[in-house]
């Protein structure tokens, strides 16, 4: 198994409380199924508070959807990780996802 990260993005406005509660319940059931199947999910929710730095930071802030959460998971390959992301309940609530392989920096891998 390899490690991947799913990045979740959603434009404003925030979900209403009732929808947020439904999403949380659906996501908990989804995660239990995948954890039981051995995918070892590790979610991280990001705060709305943020700071941009760098020469293109103003452009990035205006032209991109903020990342709201990260989900680390184990899968056989990128195709399987992408298929897993296709079933995430957040897609029905306006979230977009990006799936990427995850690895340690070369110096830490030694």
N, C-alpha and C. Protein backbone atom coordinates (compact mmCIF):
# COMPACT_ATOMS: atom_id res chain seq x y z
N UNK A 1 0.84 -1.19 0.00
CA UNK A 1 0.00 0.00 0.00
C UNK A 1 0.89 1.25 0.00
N UNK A 2 0.41 2.27 -0.69
CA UNK A 2 1.10 3.54 -0.77
C UNK A 2 0.25 4.60 -0.09
N UNK A 3 0.89 5.70 0.29
CA UNK A 3 0.16 6.78 0.96
C UNK A 3 -0.18 7.88 -0.03
N UNK A 4 -1.41 8.36 0.06
CA UNK A 4 -1.91 9.43 -0.79
C UNK A 4 -2.57 10.48 0.08
N UNK A 5 -2.75 11.66 -0.46
CA UNK A 5 -3.48 12.71 0.23
C UNK A 5 -4.58 13.21 -0.71
N UNK A 6 -5.76 13.38 -0.14
CA UNK A 6 -6.86 14.01 -0.85
C UNK A 6 -6.98 15.42 -0.29
N UNK A 7 -6.92 16.41 -1.16
CA UNK A 7 -7.08 17.81 -0.77
C UNK A 7 -8.50 18.23 -1.10
N UNK A 8 -9.19 18.81 -0.14
CA UNK A 8 -10.58 19.22 -0.31
C UNK A 8 -10.65 20.74 -0.44
N UNK A 9 -11.38 21.20 -1.46
CA UNK A 9 -11.57 22.63 -1.69
C UNK A 9 -13.07 22.90 -1.86
N UNK A 10 -13.49 24.05 -1.34
CA UNK A 10 -14.88 24.47 -1.52
C UNK A 10 -14.93 25.98 -1.46
N UNK A 11 -15.64 26.58 -2.40
CA UNK A 11 -15.81 28.03 -2.36
C UNK A 11 -16.86 28.39 -1.33
N UNK A 12 -16.81 29.63 -0.87
CA UNK A 12 -17.79 30.13 0.09
C UNK A 12 -19.15 30.16 -0.59
N UNK A 13 -20.22 30.27 0.12
CA UNK A 13 -20.33 30.42 1.56
C UNK A 13 -20.24 29.08 2.27
N UNK A 14 -20.03 29.11 3.58
CA UNK A 14 -20.00 27.86 4.35
C UNK A 14 -21.34 27.13 4.25
N UNK A 15 -21.28 25.84 4.49
CA UNK A 15 -22.51 25.05 4.49
C UNK A 15 -23.40 25.46 5.66
N UNK A 16 -24.72 25.48 5.46
CA UNK A 16 -25.63 25.69 6.59
C UNK A 16 -25.46 24.56 7.61
N UNK A 17 -25.80 24.82 8.85
CA UNK A 17 -25.59 23.85 9.92
C UNK A 17 -26.21 22.48 9.63
N UNK A 18 -27.43 22.47 9.11
CA UNK A 18 -28.10 21.19 8.84
C UNK A 18 -27.34 20.38 7.79
N UNK A 19 -26.88 21.05 6.74
CA UNK A 19 -26.11 20.34 5.72
C UNK A 19 -24.76 19.88 6.27
N UNK A 20 -24.12 20.71 7.07
CA UNK A 20 -22.83 20.34 7.67
C UNK A 20 -23.01 19.09 8.54
N UNK A 21 -24.09 19.02 9.31
CA UNK A 21 -24.34 17.85 10.15
C UNK A 21 -24.57 16.60 9.30
N UNK A 22 -25.33 16.73 8.21
CA UNK A 22 -25.55 15.58 7.31
C UNK A 22 -24.23 15.14 6.68
N UNK A 23 -23.44 16.09 6.23
CA UNK A 23 -22.14 15.76 5.65
C UNK A 23 -21.27 15.04 6.66
N UNK A 24 -21.22 15.53 7.89
CA UNK A 24 -20.40 14.89 8.92
C UNK A 24 -20.85 13.45 9.19
N UNK A 25 -22.15 13.23 9.25
CA UNK A 25 -22.67 11.87 9.49
C UNK A 25 -22.35 10.95 8.31
N UNK A 26 -22.56 11.44 7.09
CA UNK A 26 -22.26 10.63 5.91
C UNK A 26 -20.76 10.33 5.80
N UNK A 27 -19.93 11.32 6.13
CA UNK A 27 -18.49 11.14 6.05
C UNK A 27 -18.01 10.14 7.10
N UNK A 28 -18.58 10.16 8.29
CA UNK A 28 -18.20 9.21 9.34
C UNK A 28 -18.50 7.78 8.89
N UNK A 29 -19.65 7.56 8.30
CA UNK A 29 -20.01 6.21 7.81
C UNK A 29 -19.08 5.80 6.66
N UNK A 30 -18.80 6.73 5.75
CA UNK A 30 -17.90 6.48 4.63
C UNK A 30 -16.51 6.09 5.15
N UNK A 31 -16.00 6.86 6.11
CA UNK A 31 -14.67 6.62 6.66
C UNK A 31 -14.60 5.27 7.37
N UNK A 32 -15.64 4.90 8.13
CA UNK A 32 -15.64 3.61 8.82
C UNK A 32 -15.53 2.47 7.82
N UNK A 33 -16.29 2.56 6.74
CA UNK A 33 -16.24 1.51 5.71
C UNK A 33 -14.83 1.38 5.14
N UNK A 34 -14.21 2.50 4.83
CA UNK A 34 -12.86 2.45 4.25
C UNK A 34 -11.80 2.02 5.25
N UNK A 35 -11.91 2.47 6.49
CA UNK A 35 -10.96 2.03 7.52
C UNK A 35 -11.09 0.52 7.74
N UNK A 36 -12.32 0.03 7.77
CA UNK A 36 -12.55 -1.41 7.93
C UNK A 36 -11.95 -2.21 6.77
N UNK A 37 -11.85 -1.56 5.58
CA UNK A 37 -11.27 -2.21 4.41
C UNK A 37 -9.74 -2.08 4.37
N UNK A 38 -9.16 -1.41 5.39
CA UNK A 38 -7.70 -1.34 5.50
C UNK A 38 -7.05 -0.13 4.87
N UNK A 39 -7.80 0.92 4.57
CA UNK A 39 -7.22 2.09 3.91
C UNK A 39 -6.61 3.11 4.87
N UNK A 40 -6.75 2.93 6.17
CA UNK A 40 -6.11 3.75 7.20
C UNK A 40 -6.23 5.25 6.92
N UNK A 41 -7.43 5.76 7.03
CA UNK A 41 -7.69 7.18 6.79
C UNK A 41 -7.19 8.02 7.96
N UNK A 42 -6.57 9.16 7.65
CA UNK A 42 -6.12 10.13 8.65
C UNK A 42 -6.56 11.51 8.21
N UNK A 43 -7.70 12.01 8.70
CA UNK A 43 -8.17 13.33 8.27
C UNK A 43 -7.51 14.46 9.04
N UNK A 44 -7.41 15.62 8.38
CA UNK A 44 -6.93 16.86 9.00
C UNK A 44 -7.82 17.98 8.47
N UNK A 45 -8.49 18.68 9.38
CA UNK A 45 -9.33 19.81 9.00
C UNK A 45 -8.50 21.08 9.20
N UNK A 46 -8.53 21.95 8.21
CA UNK A 46 -7.76 23.18 8.28
C UNK A 46 -8.64 24.33 8.73
N UNK A 47 -8.09 25.20 9.55
CA UNK A 47 -8.79 26.39 10.00
C UNK A 47 -9.01 27.34 8.83
N UNK A 48 -10.03 28.16 8.91
CA UNK A 48 -10.27 29.16 7.88
C UNK A 48 -9.21 30.26 7.93
N UNK A 49 -8.60 30.44 9.08
CA UNK A 49 -7.54 31.45 9.23
C UNK A 49 -6.32 31.03 8.42
N UNK A 50 -5.73 31.96 7.69
CA UNK A 50 -4.59 31.62 6.85
C UNK A 50 -3.76 32.86 6.53
N UNK A 51 -2.59 32.64 6.03
CA UNK A 51 -1.71 33.71 5.56
C UNK A 51 -1.03 33.25 4.29
N UNK A 52 -0.97 34.10 3.29
CA UNK A 52 -0.28 33.80 2.05
C UNK A 52 1.03 34.57 2.02
N UNK A 53 2.06 33.97 1.49
CA UNK A 53 3.36 34.61 1.35
C UNK A 53 3.92 34.30 -0.03
N UNK A 54 4.80 35.14 -0.52
CA UNK A 54 5.46 34.89 -1.79
C UNK A 54 5.08 35.90 -2.85
N UNK A 55 5.81 35.89 -3.94
CA UNK A 55 5.59 36.91 -4.98
C UNK A 55 4.22 36.84 -5.65
N UNK A 56 3.58 35.69 -5.69
CA UNK A 56 2.28 35.55 -6.33
C UNK A 56 1.14 35.36 -5.33
N UNK A 57 1.39 35.70 -4.06
CA UNK A 57 0.40 35.39 -3.02
C UNK A 57 -0.93 36.09 -3.24
N UNK A 58 -0.94 37.33 -3.72
CA UNK A 58 -2.21 38.03 -3.95
C UNK A 58 -3.02 37.34 -5.04
N UNK A 59 -2.35 36.92 -6.10
CA UNK A 59 -3.02 36.22 -7.20
C UNK A 59 -3.56 34.88 -6.75
N UNK A 60 -2.78 34.15 -5.99
CA UNK A 60 -3.21 32.84 -5.48
C UNK A 60 -4.44 33.00 -4.60
N UNK A 61 -4.41 33.98 -3.72
CA UNK A 61 -5.51 34.19 -2.79
C UNK A 61 -6.79 34.54 -3.54
N UNK A 62 -6.71 35.33 -4.61
CA UNK A 62 -7.90 35.75 -5.34
C UNK A 62 -8.41 34.71 -6.32
N UNK A 63 -7.54 33.88 -6.85
CA UNK A 63 -7.90 33.00 -7.95
C UNK A 63 -8.02 31.52 -7.61
N UNK A 64 -7.91 31.17 -6.37
CA UNK A 64 -7.99 29.74 -6.05
C UNK A 64 -8.96 29.49 -4.91
N UNK A 65 -9.45 28.28 -4.91
CA UNK A 65 -10.32 27.86 -3.81
C UNK A 65 -9.44 27.42 -2.67
N UNK A 66 -9.76 27.84 -1.48
CA UNK A 66 -8.96 27.49 -0.31
C UNK A 66 -9.08 26.00 -0.02
N UNK A 67 -7.99 25.42 0.42
CA UNK A 67 -8.00 24.03 0.87
C UNK A 67 -8.59 24.02 2.26
N UNK A 68 -9.62 23.21 2.48
CA UNK A 68 -10.30 23.17 3.78
C UNK A 68 -9.95 21.93 4.59
N UNK A 69 -9.48 20.88 3.92
CA UNK A 69 -9.18 19.64 4.65
C UNK A 69 -8.20 18.80 3.84
N UNK A 70 -7.49 17.96 4.55
CA UNK A 70 -6.59 16.97 3.95
C UNK A 70 -7.00 15.61 4.49
N UNK A 71 -6.93 14.61 3.66
CA UNK A 71 -7.21 13.25 4.10
C UNK A 71 -6.10 12.35 3.59
N UNK A 72 -5.32 11.82 4.50
CA UNK A 72 -4.27 10.88 4.14
C UNK A 72 -4.89 9.49 4.14
N UNK A 73 -4.51 8.68 3.16
CA UNK A 73 -5.05 7.34 3.09
C UNK A 73 -4.06 6.42 2.41
N UNK A 74 -4.24 5.15 2.63
CA UNK A 74 -3.43 4.15 1.97
C UNK A 74 -4.25 3.50 0.87
N UNK A 75 -3.60 3.34 -0.29
CA UNK A 75 -4.24 2.69 -1.44
C UNK A 75 -3.16 2.03 -2.27
N UNK A 76 -3.57 1.13 -3.12
CA UNK A 76 -2.61 0.39 -3.94
C UNK A 76 -1.89 1.30 -4.93
N UNK A 77 -2.64 2.26 -5.52
CA UNK A 77 -2.04 3.15 -6.52
C UNK A 77 -2.92 4.39 -6.64
N UNK A 78 -2.49 5.34 -7.48
CA UNK A 78 -3.23 6.58 -7.66
C UNK A 78 -4.65 6.32 -8.19
N UNK A 79 -4.80 5.37 -9.06
CA UNK A 79 -6.12 5.04 -9.59
C UNK A 79 -7.08 4.62 -8.48
N UNK A 80 -6.61 3.76 -7.59
CA UNK A 80 -7.48 3.33 -6.49
C UNK A 80 -7.77 4.50 -5.55
N UNK A 81 -6.77 5.32 -5.25
CA UNK A 81 -6.98 6.48 -4.39
C UNK A 81 -8.01 7.44 -5.01
N UNK A 82 -7.93 7.64 -6.33
CA UNK A 82 -8.89 8.51 -7.02
C UNK A 82 -10.29 7.90 -6.98
N UNK A 83 -10.40 6.59 -7.13
CA UNK A 83 -11.70 5.94 -7.05
C UNK A 83 -12.30 6.10 -5.66
N UNK A 84 -11.46 6.01 -4.64
CA UNK A 84 -11.93 6.23 -3.26
C UNK A 84 -12.44 7.65 -3.11
N UNK A 85 -11.69 8.62 -3.66
CA UNK A 85 -12.13 10.02 -3.53
C UNK A 85 -13.45 10.26 -4.26
N UNK A 86 -13.69 9.52 -5.35
CA UNK A 86 -14.95 9.66 -6.11
C UNK A 86 -16.18 9.34 -5.26
N UNK A 87 -15.99 8.55 -4.21
CA UNK A 87 -17.12 8.15 -3.38
C UNK A 87 -17.28 9.02 -2.13
N UNK A 88 -16.45 10.04 -1.95
CA UNK A 88 -16.54 10.87 -0.75
C UNK A 88 -17.83 11.70 -0.77
N UNK A 89 -18.56 11.71 0.35
CA UNK A 89 -19.82 12.45 0.41
C UNK A 89 -19.67 13.95 0.13
N UNK A 90 -18.51 14.53 0.40
CA UNK A 90 -18.32 15.96 0.19
C UNK A 90 -18.55 16.40 -1.24
N UNK A 91 -18.39 15.49 -2.19
CA UNK A 91 -18.62 15.85 -3.59
C UNK A 91 -20.08 16.25 -3.84
N UNK A 92 -20.98 15.70 -3.04
CA UNK A 92 -22.41 16.05 -3.18
C UNK A 92 -22.74 17.38 -2.49
N UNK A 93 -21.76 17.93 -1.74
CA UNK A 93 -21.97 19.17 -1.00
C UNK A 93 -21.10 20.31 -1.54
N UNK A 94 -20.65 20.18 -2.77
CA UNK A 94 -19.93 21.27 -3.40
C UNK A 94 -18.42 21.27 -3.24
N UNK A 95 -17.86 20.22 -2.65
CA UNK A 95 -16.41 20.15 -2.51
C UNK A 95 -15.79 19.61 -3.80
N UNK A 96 -14.62 20.11 -4.12
CA UNK A 96 -13.79 19.56 -5.18
C UNK A 96 -12.62 18.87 -4.49
N UNK A 97 -12.12 17.81 -5.09
CA UNK A 97 -11.01 17.09 -4.49
C UNK A 97 -9.87 16.94 -5.48
N UNK A 98 -8.69 16.85 -4.93
CA UNK A 98 -7.47 16.58 -5.70
C UNK A 98 -6.75 15.46 -4.97
N UNK A 99 -6.28 14.47 -5.70
CA UNK A 99 -5.59 13.32 -5.10
C UNK A 99 -4.14 13.35 -5.55
N UNK A 100 -3.23 13.18 -4.58
CA UNK A 100 -1.80 13.17 -4.90
C UNK A 100 -1.09 12.10 -4.09
N UNK A 101 -0.05 11.52 -4.67
CA UNK A 101 0.80 10.62 -3.90
C UNK A 101 1.50 11.43 -2.79
N UNK A 102 1.76 10.80 -1.68
CA UNK A 102 2.41 11.44 -0.54
C UNK A 102 3.68 10.67 -0.22
N UNK A 103 4.75 11.37 0.00
CA UNK A 103 5.99 10.71 0.41
C UNK A 103 6.77 11.64 1.31
N UNK A 104 7.70 11.07 2.03
CA UNK A 104 8.57 11.88 2.89
C UNK A 104 9.61 12.58 2.04
N UNK A 105 10.11 13.75 2.49
CA UNK A 105 11.19 14.40 1.76
C UNK A 105 12.39 13.46 1.66
N UNK A 106 13.19 13.59 0.60
CA UNK A 106 14.33 12.67 0.41
C UNK A 106 15.25 12.58 1.62
N UNK A 107 15.51 13.69 2.29
CA UNK A 107 16.43 13.63 3.43
C UNK A 107 15.81 12.89 4.61
N UNK A 108 14.49 12.93 4.77
CA UNK A 108 13.82 12.23 5.87
C UNK A 108 13.63 10.76 5.56
N UNK A 109 13.66 10.39 4.30
CA UNK A 109 13.42 9.00 3.91
C UNK A 109 14.62 8.10 4.18
N UNK A 110 15.77 8.69 4.35
CA UNK A 110 16.99 7.88 4.58
C UNK A 110 17.04 7.27 5.96
